[in-house]
Amino acid sequence: MKKKIEPRRIFEELAEMGVLGDLLSHQWREFYDNNEKFREDINEILLKLSTERVTVLEKYFLDKLCESLQFFLDYNKQWMNQKL
């Protein structure tokens, strides 16, 4: 099977250099927060290529986890009230 050759994007280079997370925290923060497609693409790049700890990505996943847990708690609260 042949491997598909694709051009590298600047974001991939920045992630490997360890500076993409900092740029997202400061210069591109608003765009990252407001553009879901961009955020998903960047998060995938950060997961695959970042050599540094990325607090933006950690915060994003913690926020998603909190949303999921809150939904779970709200859903089970109704069930627990019925059971009591």
PDB file of N, CA and C in Angstrom:
ATOM      1  N   MET A   1       0.840  -1.169   0.000  1.00  0.00           N
ATOM      2  CA  MET A   1       0.000   0.000   0.000  1.00  0.00           C
ATOM      3  C   MET A   1       0.892   1.242   0.000  1.00  0.00           C
ATOM      4  N   LYS A   2       0.596   2.169  -0.881  1.00  0.00           N
ATOM      5  CA  LYS A   2       1.386   3.395  -0.977  1.00  0.00           C
ATOM      6  C   LYS A   2       0.903   4.418   0.030  1.00  0.00           C
ATOM      7  N   LYS A   3       1.848   5.130   0.604  1.00  0.00           N
ATOM      8  CA  LYS A   3       1.531   6.175   1.562  1.00  0.00           C
ATOM      9  C   LYS A   3       1.250   7.465   0.808  1.00  0.00           C
ATOM     10  N   LYS A   4       0.192   8.130   1.185  1.00  0.00           N
ATOM     11  CA  LYS A   4      -0.198   9.371   0.544  1.00  0.00           C
ATOM     12  C   LYS A   4       0.745  10.495   0.980  1.00  0.00           C
ATOM     13  N   ILE A   5       1.243  11.231   0.029  1.00  0.00           N
ATOM     14  CA  ILE A   5       2.143  12.348   0.311  1.00  0.00           C
ATOM     15  C   ILE A   5       1.321  13.629   0.339  1.00  0.00           C
ATOM     16  N   GLU A   6       1.438  14.355   1.445  1.00  0.00           N
ATOM     17  CA  GLU A   6       0.713  15.608   1.596  1.00  0.00           C
ATOM     18  C   GLU A   6       1.686  16.701   2.010  1.00  0.00           C
ATOM     19  N   PRO A   7       1.401  17.928   1.610  1.00  0.00           N
ATOM     20  CA  PRO A   7       2.273  19.031   2.044  1.00  0.00           C
ATOM     21  C   PRO A   7       2.107  19.281   3.537  1.00  0.00           C
ATOM     22  N   ARG A   8       3.172  19.732   4.158  1.00  0.00           N
ATOM     23  CA  ARG A   8       3.110  20.060   5.582  1.00  0.00           C
ATOM     24  C   ARG A   8       2.613  21.496   5.731  1.00  0.00           C
ATOM     25  N   ARG A   9       1.824  21.686   6.754  1.00  0.00           N
ATOM     26  CA  ARG A   9       1.310  23.018   7.030  1.00  0.00           C
ATOM     27  C   ARG A   9       2.185  23.704   8.084  1.00  0.00           C
ATOM     28  N   ILE A  10       2.086  24.993   8.134  1.00  0.00           N
ATOM     29  CA  ILE A  10       2.888  25.767   9.081  1.00  0.00           C
ATOM     30  C   ILE A  10       2.563  25.372  10.517  1.00  0.00           C
ATOM     31  N   PHE A  11       1.310  24.995  10.779  1.00  0.00           N
ATOM     32  CA  PHE A  11       0.923  24.609  12.132  1.00  0.00           C
ATOM     33  C   PHE A  11       1.658  23.351  12.595  1.00  0.00           C
ATOM     34  N   GLU A  12       1.914  22.456  11.671  1.00  0.00           N
ATOM     35  CA  GLU A  12       2.656  21.236  12.008  1.00  0.00           C
ATOM     36  C   GLU A  12       4.098  21.577  12.370  1.00  0.00           C
ATOM     37  N   GLU A  13       4.684  22.481  11.626  1.00  0.00           N
ATOM     38  CA  GLU A  13       6.051  22.916  11.918  1.00  0.00           C
ATOM     39  C   GLU A  13       6.119  23.595  13.289  1.00  0.00           C
ATOM     40  N   LEU A  14       5.150  24.456  13.564  1.00  0.00           N
ATOM     41  CA  LEU A  14       5.122  25.160  14.842  1.00  0.00           C
ATOM     42  C   LEU A  14       4.923  24.210  16.016  1.00  0.00           C
ATOM     43  N   ALA A  15       4.099  23.183  15.824  1.00  0.00           N
ATOM     44  CA  ALA A  15       3.881  22.191  16.882  1.00  0.00           C
ATOM     45  C   ALA A  15       5.166  21.431  17.186  1.00  0.00           C
ATOM     46  N   GLU A  16       5.887  21.040  16.152  1.00  0.00           N
ATOM     47  CA  GLU A  16       7.148  20.317  16.355  1.00  0.00           C
ATOM     48  C   GLU A  16       8.201  21.184  17.031  1.00  0.00           C
ATOM     49  N   MET A  17       8.138  22.492  16.777  1.00  0.00           N
ATOM     50  CA  MET A  17       9.081  23.412  17.411  1.00  0.00           C
ATOM     51  C   MET A  17       8.666  23.733  18.850  1.00  0.00           C
ATOM     52  N   GLY A  18       7.432  23.362  19.214  1.00  0.00           N
ATOM     53  CA  GLY A  18       6.959  23.595  20.577  1.00  0.00           C
ATOM     54  C   GLY A  18       6.411  24.981  20.840  1.00  0.00           C
ATOM     55  N   VAL A  19       6.046  25.712  19.793  1.00  0.00           N
ATOM     56  CA  VAL A  19       5.554  27.078  19.978  1.00  0.00           C
ATOM     57  C   VAL A  19       4.085  27.256  19.606  1.00  0.00           C
ATOM     58  N   LEU A  20       3.463  26.243  19.063  1.00  0.00           N
ATOM     59  CA  LEU A  20       2.068  26.382  18.633  1.00  0.00           C
ATOM     60  C   LEU A  20       1.147  26.636  19.821  1.00  0.00           C
ATOM     61  N   GLY A  21       1.364  25.953  20.913  1.00  0.00           N
ATOM     62  CA  GLY A  21       0.533  26.160  22.102  1.00  0.00           C
ATOM     63  C   GLY A  21       0.603  27.582  22.617  1.00  0.00           C
ATOM     64  N   ASP A  22       1.792  28.159  22.621  1.00  0.00           N
ATOM     65  CA  ASP A  22       1.948  29.553  23.063  1.00  0.00           C
ATOM     66  C   ASP A  22       1.233  30.518  22.129  1.00  0.00           C
ATOM     67  N   LEU A  23       1.339  30.279  20.848  1.00  0.00           N
ATOM     68  CA  LEU A  23       0.647  31.144  19.891  1.00  0.00           C
ATOM     69  C   LEU A  23      -0.860  31.071  20.073  1.00  0.00           C
ATOM     70  N   LEU A  24      -1.368  29.883  20.365  1.00  0.00           N
ATOM     71  CA  LEU A  24      -2.806  29.736  20.581  1.00  0.00           C
ATOM     72  C   LEU A  24      -3.237  30.425  21.868  1.00  0.00           C
ATOM     73  N   SER A  25      -2.391  30.409  22.854  1.00  0.00           N
ATOM     74  CA  SER A  25      -2.726  31.035  24.132  1.00  0.00           C
ATOM     75  C   SER A  25      -2.784  32.552  24.042  1.00  0.00           C
ATOM     76  N   HIS A  26      -2.036  33.121  23.139  1.00  0.00           N
ATOM     77  CA  HIS A  26      -1.932  34.579  23.110  1.00  0.00           C
ATOM     78  C   HIS A  26      -2.458  35.185  21.814  1.00  0.00           C
ATOM     79  N   GLN A  27      -1.808  34.926  20.704  1.00  0.00           N
ATOM     80  CA  GLN A  27      -2.133  35.632  19.467  1.00  0.00           C
ATOM     81  C   GLN A  27      -3.390  35.114  18.770  1.00  0.00           C
ATOM     82  N   TRP A  28      -3.622  33.827  18.783  1.00  0.00           N
ATOM     83  CA  TRP A  28      -4.749  33.249  18.046  1.00  0.00           C
ATOM     84  C   TRP A  28      -5.846  32.769  18.973  1.00  0.00           C
ATOM     85  N   ARG A  29      -5.873  33.226  20.199  1.00  0.00           N
ATOM     86  CA  ARG A  29      -6.801  32.719  21.209  1.00  0.00           C
ATOM     87  C   ARG A  29      -8.260  32.885  20.797  1.00  0.00           C
ATOM     88  N   GLU A  30      -8.630  34.070  20.363  1.00  0.00           N
ATOM     89  CA  GLU A  30     -10.029  34.334  20.018  1.00  0.00           C
ATOM     90  C   GLU A  30     -10.470  33.476  18.834  1.00  0.00           C
ATOM     91  N   PHE A  31      -9.638  33.386  17.820  1.00  0.00           N
ATOM     92  CA  PHE A  31      -9.971  32.564  16.650  1.00  0.00           C
ATOM     93  C   PHE A  31     -10.076  31.092  17.037  1.00  0.00           C
ATOM     94  N   TYR A  32      -9.162  30.615  17.869  1.00  0.00           N
ATOM     95  CA  TYR A  32      -9.177  29.229  18.355  1.00  0.00           C
ATOM     96  C   TYR A  32     -10.471  28.955  19.136  1.00  0.00           C
ATOM     97  N   ASP A  33     -10.869  29.880  19.979  1.00  0.00           N
ATOM     98  CA  ASP A  33     -12.068  29.691  20.794  1.00  0.00           C
ATOM     99  C   ASP A  33     -13.355  29.736  19.981  1.00  0.00           C
ATOM    100  N   ASN A  34     -13.377  30.531  18.912  1.00  0.00           N
ATOM    101  CA  ASN A  34     -14.621  30.761  18.178  1.00  0.00           C
ATOM    102  C   ASN A  34     -14.791  29.929  16.914  1.00  0.00           C
ATOM    103  N   ASN A  35     -13.759  29.260  16.451  1.00  0.00           N
ATOM    104  CA  ASN A  35     -13.838  28.510  15.199  1.00  0.00           C
ATOM    105  C   ASN A  35     -13.630  27.020  15.496  1.00  0.00           C
ATOM    106  N   GLU A  36     -14.732  26.280  15.515  1.00  0.00           N
ATOM    107  CA  GLU A  36     -14.678  24.875  15.906  1.00  0.00           C
ATOM    108  C   GLU A  36     -13.840  24.025  14.950  1.00  0.00           C
ATOM    109  N   LYS A  37     -13.951  24.244  13.659  1.00  0.00           N
ATOM    110  CA  LYS A  37     -13.173  23.476  12.678  1.00  0.00           C
ATOM    111  C   LYS A  37     -11.672  23.699  12.871  1.00  0.00           C
ATOM    112  N   PHE A  38     -11.296  24.963  13.020  1.00  0.00           N
ATOM    113  CA  PHE A  38      -9.899  25.306  13.261  1.00  0.00           C
ATOM    114  C   PHE A  38      -9.409  24.651  14.552  1.00  0.00           C
ATOM    115  N   ARG A  39     -10.219  24.734  15.603  1.00  0.00           N
ATOM    116  CA  ARG A  39      -9.854  24.167  16.896  1.00  0.00           C
ATOM    117  C   ARG A  39      -9.634  22.662  16.800  1.00  0.00           C
ATOM    118  N   GLU A  40     -10.515  21.958  16.109  1.00  0.00           N
ATOM    119  CA  GLU A  40     -10.367  20.505  15.957  1.00  0.00           C
ATOM    120  C   GLU A  40      -9.106  20.150  15.168  1.00  0.00           C
ATOM    121  N   ASP A  41      -8.848  20.880  14.097  1.00  0.00           N
ATOM    122  CA  ASP A  41      -7.636  20.639  13.299  1.00  0.00           C
ATOM    123  C   ASP A  41      -6.372  20.871  14.128  1.00  0.00           C
ATOM    124  N   ILE A  42      -6.354  21.969  14.840  1.00  0.00           N
ATOM    125  CA  ILE A  42      -5.183  22.310  15.649  1.00  0.00           C
ATOM    126  C   ILE A  42      -4.998  21.314  16.784  1.00  0.00           C
ATOM    127  N   ASN A  43      -6.071  20.904  17.426  1.00  0.00           N
ATOM    128  CA  ASN A  43      -5.965  19.925  18.506  1.00  0.00           C
ATOM    129  C   ASN A  43      -5.387  18.608  18.010  1.00  0.00           C
ATOM    130  N   GLU A  44      -5.792  18.190  16.826  1.00  0.00           N
ATOM    131  CA  GLU A  44      -5.254  16.955  16.241  1.00  0.00           C
ATOM    132  C   GLU A  44      -3.749  17.098  15.974  1.00  0.00           C
ATOM    133  N   ILE A  45      -3.356  18.232  15.439  1.00  0.00           N
ATOM    134  CA  ILE A  45      -1.934  18.486  15.182  1.00  0.00           C
ATOM    135  C   ILE A  45      -1.153  18.483  16.490  1.00  0.00           C
ATOM    136  N   LEU A  46      -1.687  19.149  17.499  1.00  0.00           N
ATOM    137  CA  LEU A  46      -1.004  19.205  18.790  1.00  0.00           C
ATOM    138  C   LEU A  46      -0.850  17.815  19.403  1.00  0.00           C
ATOM    139  N   LEU A  47      -1.894  17.004  19.309  1.00  0.00           N
ATOM    140  CA  LEU A  47      -1.821  15.646  19.864  1.00  0.00           C
ATOM    141  C   LEU A  47      -0.755  14.808  19.172  1.00  0.00           C
ATOM    142  N   LYS A  48      -0.658  14.959  17.864  1.00  0.00           N
ATOM    143  CA  LYS A  48       0.265  14.125  17.092  1.00  0.00           C
ATOM    144  C   LYS A  48       1.706  14.624  17.130  1.00  0.00           C
ATOM    145  N   LEU A  49       1.906  15.934  17.124  1.00  0.00           N
ATOM    146  CA  LEU A  49       3.245  16.454  16.844  1.00  0.00           C
ATOM    147  C   LEU A  49       3.898  17.285  17.937  1.00  0.00           C
ATOM    148  N   SER A  50       3.152  17.722  18.920  1.00  0.00           N
ATOM    149  CA  SER A  50       3.736  18.624  19.909  1.00  0.00           C
ATOM    150  C   SER A  50       4.761  17.912  20.776  1.00  0.00           C
ATOM    151  N   THR A  51       5.874  18.580  20.983  1.00  0.00           N
ATOM    152  CA  THR A  51       6.926  18.029  21.836  1.00  0.00           C
ATOM    153  C   THR A  51       6.868  18.630  23.233  1.00  0.00           C
ATOM    154  N   GLU A  52       6.050  19.647  23.413  1.00  0.00           N
ATOM    155  CA  GLU A  52       5.931  20.353  24.683  1.00  0.00           C
ATOM    156  C   GLU A  52       4.543  20.124  25.274  1.00  0.00           C
ATOM    157  N   ARG A  53       4.412  20.414  26.552  1.00  0.00           N
ATOM    158  CA  ARG A  53       3.114  20.381  27.213  1.00  0.00           C
ATOM    159  C   ARG A  53       2.272  21.533  26.673  1.00  0.00           C
ATOM    160  N   VAL A  54       1.024  21.255  26.324  1.00  0.00           N
ATOM    161  CA  VAL A  54       0.164  22.267  25.709  1.00  0.00           C
ATOM    162  C   VAL A  54      -1.032  22.515  26.629  1.00  0.00           C
ATOM    163  N   THR A  55      -0.981  23.612  27.361  1.00  0.00           N
ATOM    164  CA  THR A  55      -2.040  23.898  28.324  1.00  0.00           C
ATOM    165  C   THR A  55      -3.368  24.225  27.645  1.00  0.00           C
ATOM    166  N   VAL A  56      -3.326  24.790  26.447  1.00  0.00           N
ATOM    167  CA  VAL A  56      -4.560  25.085  25.710  1.00  0.00           C
ATOM    168  C   VAL A  56      -5.317  23.795  25.433  1.00  0.00           C
ATOM    169  N   LEU A  57      -4.606  22.791  25.025  1.00  0.00           N
ATOM    170  CA  LEU A  57      -5.220  21.502  24.722  1.00  0.00           C
ATOM    171  C   LEU A  57      -5.723  20.829  26.004  1.00  0.00           C
ATOM    172  N   GLU A  58      -4.950  20.895  27.061  1.00  0.00           N
ATOM    173  CA  GLU A  58      -5.376  20.323  28.334  1.00  0.00           C
ATOM    174  C   GLU A  58      -6.666  20.989  28.817  1.00  0.00           C
ATOM    175  N   LYS A  59      -6.729  22.308  28.715  1.00  0.00           N
ATOM    176  CA  LYS A  59      -7.932  23.033  29.135  1.00  0.00           C
ATOM    177  C   LYS A  59      -9.126  22.640  28.272  1.00  0.00           C
ATOM    178  N   TYR A  60      -8.919  22.512  26.982  1.00  0.00           N
ATOM    179  CA  TYR A  60     -10.007  22.130  26.076  1.00  0.00           C
ATOM    180  C   TYR A  60     -10.582  20.770  26.473  1.00  0.00           C
ATOM    181  N   PHE A  61      -9.712  19.795  26.705  1.00  0.00           N
ATOM    182  CA  PHE A  61     -10.197  18.464  27.053  1.00  0.00           C
ATOM    183  C   PHE A  61     -10.807  18.428  28.456  1.00  0.00           C
ATOM    184  N   LEU A  62     -10.293  19.209  29.375  1.00  0.00           N
ATOM    185  CA  LEU A  62     -10.902  19.291  30.701  1.00  0.00           C
ATOM    186  C   LEU A  62     -12.294  19.921  30.632  1.00  0.00           C
ATOM    187  N   ASP A  63     -12.458  20.940  29.797  1.00  0.00           N
ATOM    188  CA  ASP A  63     -13.769  21.548  29.605  1.00  0.00           C
ATOM    189  C   ASP A  63     -14.765  20.542  29.030  1.00  0.00           C
ATOM    190  N   LYS A  64     -14.313  19.768  28.041  1.00  0.00           N
ATOM    191  CA  LYS A  64     -15.186  18.754  27.445  1.00  0.00           C
ATOM    192  C   LYS A  64     -15.550  17.672  28.465  1.00  0.00           C
ATOM    193  N   LEU A  65     -14.591  17.285  29.286  1.00  0.00           N
ATOM    194  CA  LEU A  65     -14.843  16.296  30.326  1.00  0.00           C
ATOM    195  C   LEU A  65     -15.853  16.829  31.343  1.00  0.00           C
ATOM    196  N   CYS A  66     -15.714  18.082  31.741  1.00  0.00           N
ATOM    197  CA  CYS A  66     -16.651  18.694  32.685  1.00  0.00           C
ATOM    198  C   CYS A  66     -18.064  18.739  32.106  1.00  0.00           C
ATOM    199  N   GLU A  67     -18.174  19.074  30.830  1.00  0.00           N
ATOM    200  CA  GLU A  67     -19.487  19.090  30.177  1.00  0.00           C
ATOM    201  C   GLU A  67     -20.120  17.707  30.203  1.00  0.00           C
ATOM    202  N   SER A  68     -19.344  16.694  29.896  1.00  0.00           N
ATOM    203  CA  SER A  68     -19.851  15.324  29.878  1.00  0.00           C
ATOM    204  C   SER A  68     -20.254  14.870  31.274  1.00  0.00           C
ATOM    205  N   LEU A  69     -19.438  15.179  32.254  1.00  0.00           N
ATOM    206  CA  LEU A  69     -19.761  14.790  33.630  1.00  0.00           C
ATOM    207  C   LEU A  69     -20.992  15.522  34.142  1.00  0.00           C
ATOM    208  N   GLN A  70     -21.141  16.788  33.777  1.00  0.00           N
ATOM    209  CA  GLN A  70     -22.320  17.534  34.196  1.00  0.00           C
ATOM    210  C   GLN A  70     -23.581  16.937  33.579  1.00  0.00           C
ATOM    211  N   PHE A  71     -23.523  16.562  32.320  1.00  0.00           N
ATOM    212  CA  PHE A  71     -24.658  15.908  31.674  1.00  0.00           C
ATOM    213  C   PHE A  71     -24.992  14.603  32.397  1.00  0.00           C
ATOM    214  N   PHE A  72     -23.976  13.815  32.717  1.00  0.00           N
ATOM    215  CA  PHE A  72     -24.166  12.556  33.424  1.00  0.00           C
ATOM    216  C   PHE A  72     -24.819  12.792  34.788  1.00  0.00           C
ATOM    217  N   LEU A  73     -24.326  13.780  35.517  1.00  0.00           N
ATOM    218  CA  LEU A  73     -24.884  14.073  36.837  1.00  0.00           C
ATOM    219  C   LEU A  73     -26.327  14.552  36.744  1.00  0.00           C
ATOM    220  N   ASP A  74     -26.601  15.426  35.797  1.00  0.00           N
ATOM    221  CA  ASP A  74     -27.971  15.917  35.615  1.00  0.00           C
ATOM    222  C   ASP A  74     -28.916  14.787  35.229  1.00  0.00           C
ATOM    223  N   TYR A  75     -28.471  13.933  34.348  1.00  0.00           N
ATOM    224  CA  TYR A  75     -29.294  12.806  33.903  1.00  0.00           C
ATOM    225  C   TYR A  75     -29.581  11.852  35.062  1.00  0.00           C
ATOM    226  N   ASN A  76     -28.573  11.531  35.835  1.00  0.00           N
ATOM    227  CA  ASN A  76     -28.745  10.600  36.947  1.00  0.00           C
ATOM    228  C   ASN A  76     -29.463  11.225  38.133  1.00  0.00           C
ATOM    229  N   LYS A  77     -29.419  12.537  38.253  1.00  0.00           N
ATOM    230  CA  LYS A  77     -30.134  13.216  39.329  1.00  0.00           C
ATOM    231  C   LYS A  77     -31.629  12.986  39.180  1.00  0.00           C
ATOM    232  N   GLN A  78     -32.127  13.054  37.972  1.00  0.00           N
ATOM    233  CA  GLN A  78     -33.547  12.793  37.731  1.00  0.00           C
ATOM    234  C   GLN A  78     -33.903  11.357  38.108  1.00  0.00           C
ATOM    235  N   TRP A  79     -33.048  10.436  37.756  1.00  0.00           N
ATOM    236  CA  TRP A  79     -33.292   9.039  38.050  1.00  0.00           C
ATOM    237  C   TRP A  79     -33.238   8.785  39.563  1.00  0.00           C
ATOM    238  N   MET A  80     -32.249   9.376  40.226  1.00  0.00           N
ATOM    239  CA  MET A  80     -32.112   9.182  41.675  1.00  0.00           C
ATOM    240  C   MET A  80     -33.298   9.783  42.426  1.00  0.00           C
ATOM    241  N   ASN A  81     -33.829  10.923  41.973  1.00  0.00           N
ATOM    242  CA  ASN A  81     -34.997  11.523  42.609  1.00  0.00           C
ATOM    243  C   ASN A  81     -36.213  10.631  42.472  1.00  0.00           C
ATOM    244  N   GLN A  82     -36.360   9.959  41.349  1.00  0.00           N
ATOM    245  CA  GLN A  82     -37.480   9.051  41.145  1.00  0.00           C
ATOM    246  C   GLN A  82     -37.363   7.826  42.037  1.00  0.00           C
ATOM    247  N   LYS A  83     -36.121   7.379  42.226  1.00  0.00           N
ATOM    248  CA  LYS A  83     -35.884   6.179  43.025  1.00  0.00           C
ATOM    249  C   LYS A  83     -36.161   6.418  44.510  1.00  0.00           C
ATOM    250  N   LEU A  84     -35.872   7.611  44.990  1.00  0.00           N
ATOM    251  CA  LEU A  84     -36.085   7.932  46.402  1.00  0.00           C
ATOM    252  C   LEU A  84     -37.551   8.159  46.643  1.00  0.00           C
TER     253      LEU A  84
END
